[in-house]
C-alpha atoms as a PDB file:
ATOM      1  CA  MET A   1      73.831  39.331-107.050  1.00  0.00           C
ATOM      2  CA  THR A   2      70.262  38.679-106.022  1.00  0.00           C
ATOM      3  CA  LEU A   3      68.855  39.617-102.635  1.00  0.00           C
ATOM      4  CA  GLU A   4      68.662  35.917-101.698  1.00  0.00           C
ATOM      5  CA  GLN A   5      72.318  35.388-102.613  1.00  0.00           C
ATOM      6  CA  LEU A   6      73.306  38.448-100.609  1.00  0.00           C
ATOM      7  CA  GLU A   7      71.343  37.256 -97.581  1.00  0.00           C
ATOM      8  CA  GLU A   8      72.949  33.823 -97.859  1.00  0.00           C
ATOM      9  CA  LYS A   9      76.410  35.389 -98.038  1.00  0.00           C
ATOM     10  CA  VAL A  10      75.722  37.592 -94.993  1.00  0.00           C
ATOM     11  CA  ASN A  11      74.445  34.578 -93.041  1.00  0.00           C
ATOM     12  CA  ASP A  12      77.560  32.619 -93.976  1.00  0.00           C
ATOM     13  CA  LEU A  13      79.807  35.477 -92.879  1.00  0.00           C
ATOM     14  CA  GLU A  14      77.926  35.781 -89.571  1.00  0.00           C
ATOM     15  CA  ARG A  15      78.468  32.056 -88.936  1.00  0.00           C
ATOM     16  CA  GLN A  16      82.173  32.412 -89.690  1.00  0.00           C
ATOM     17  CA  VAL A  17      82.515  35.408 -87.350  1.00  0.00           C
ATOM     18  CA  ALA A  18      80.710  33.517 -84.573  1.00  0.00           C
ATOM     19  CA  GLN A  19      83.055  30.571 -85.051  1.00  0.00           C
ATOM     20  CA  LEU A  20      86.135  32.811 -84.939  1.00  0.00           C
ATOM     21  CA  ARG A  21      84.883  34.517 -81.782  1.00  0.00           C
ATOM     22  CA  ALA A  22      84.300  31.145 -80.129  1.00  0.00           C
ATOM     23  CA  GLU A  23      87.825  30.021 -81.013  1.00  0.00           C
ATOM     24  CA  ASN A  24      89.297  33.264 -79.716  1.00  0.00           C
ATOM     25  CA  LYS A  25      87.585  32.926 -76.325  1.00  0.00           C
ATOM     26  CA  SER A  26      89.324  29.617 -75.749  1.00  0.00           C
ATOM     27  CA  LEU A  27      92.685  31.387 -75.686  1.00  0.00           C
ATOM     28  CA  ARG A  28      93.818  32.327 -72.213  1.00  0.00           C
ATOM     29  CA  PRO A  29      95.929  35.371 -71.469  1.00  0.00           C
ATOM     30  CA  MET A  30      99.421  34.625 -70.264  1.00  0.00           C
ATOM     31  CA  LYS A  31     100.495  36.283 -67.063  1.00  0.00           C
ATOM     32  CA  HIS A  32     104.131  35.216 -67.033  1.00  0.00           C
ATOM     33  CA  MET A  33     106.747  34.509 -69.670  1.00  0.00           C
ATOM     34  CA  ALA A  34     107.116  31.011 -68.230  1.00  0.00           C
ATOM     35  CA  ASP A  35     103.576  30.277 -69.475  1.00  0.00           C
ATOM     36  CA  THR A  36     104.986  30.305 -73.024  1.00  0.00           C
ATOM     37  CA  PHE A  37     107.613  27.626 -72.438  1.00  0.00           C
ATOM     38  CA  GLY A  38     106.852  24.525 -74.479  1.00  0.00           C
ATOM     39  CA  MET A  39     103.758  25.959 -76.131  1.00  0.00           C
ATOM     40  CA  PHE A  40     105.055  24.943 -79.583  1.00  0.00           C
ATOM     41  CA  ALA A  41     106.395  21.532 -78.607  1.00  0.00           C
ATOM     42  CA  ASP A  42     105.731  18.930 -81.304  1.00  0.00           C
ATOM     43  CA  ASP A  43     104.232  21.575 -83.615  1.00  0.00           C
ATOM     44  CA  PRO A  44     105.354  20.840 -87.197  1.00  0.00           C
ATOM     45  CA  GLU A  45     104.356  24.319 -88.378  1.00  0.00           C
ATOM     46  CA  PHE A  46     106.598  25.950 -85.768  1.00  0.00           C
ATOM     47  CA  ASP A  47     109.423  23.596 -86.743  1.00  0.00           C
ATOM     48  CA  GLU A  48     109.009  24.801 -90.334  1.00  0.00           C
ATOM     49  CA  ILE A  49     109.122  28.431 -89.167  1.00  0.00           C
ATOM     50  CA  VAL A  50     112.377  27.737 -87.330  1.00  0.00           C
ATOM     51  CA  ARG A  51     113.827  25.960 -90.387  1.00  0.00           C
ATOM     52  CA  LEU A  52     112.930  28.827 -92.710  1.00  0.00           C
ATOM     53  CA  GLY A  53     114.341  31.380 -90.277  1.00  0.00           C
ATOM     54  CA  ARG A  54     117.613  29.485 -90.079  1.00  0.00           C
ATOM     55  CA  GLN A  55     117.737  29.196 -93.865  1.00  0.00           C
ATOM     56  CA  PHE A  56     117.167  32.948 -94.223  1.00  0.00           C
ATOM     57  CA  ARG A  57     119.865  33.821 -91.668  1.00  0.00           C
ATOM     58  CA  ASP A  58     122.347  31.434 -93.250  1.00  0.00           C
ATOM     59  CA  GLN A  59     121.718  32.965 -96.670  1.00  0.00           C
ATOM     60  CA  ALA A  60     121.944  36.526 -95.296  1.00  0.00           C
ATOM     61  CA  ASN A  61     125.205  35.733 -93.546  1.00  0.00           C
ATOM     62  CA  ALA A  62     126.638  34.108 -96.677  1.00  0.00           C
ATOM     63  CA  ASP A  63     125.764  37.214 -98.710  1.00  0.00           C
ATOM     64  CA  ASP A  64     127.640  39.433 -96.208  1.00  0.00           C
ATOM     65  CA  SER A  65     130.905  37.524 -96.698  1.00  0.00           C
END
């Protein structure tokens, strides 16, 4: 890897870190459990997590029988 390529890669990584830091600052700390209610409403990724969890539990329970 040439020095120019290395410098370009470092610059790219610095941009990515700056972007991640900016995204992280937008998150607010939650003071109460009630702040979490509804935070995943209409989130298709969370719905998929729930579906996969149910599928895993159903399979685990079927294996125990």
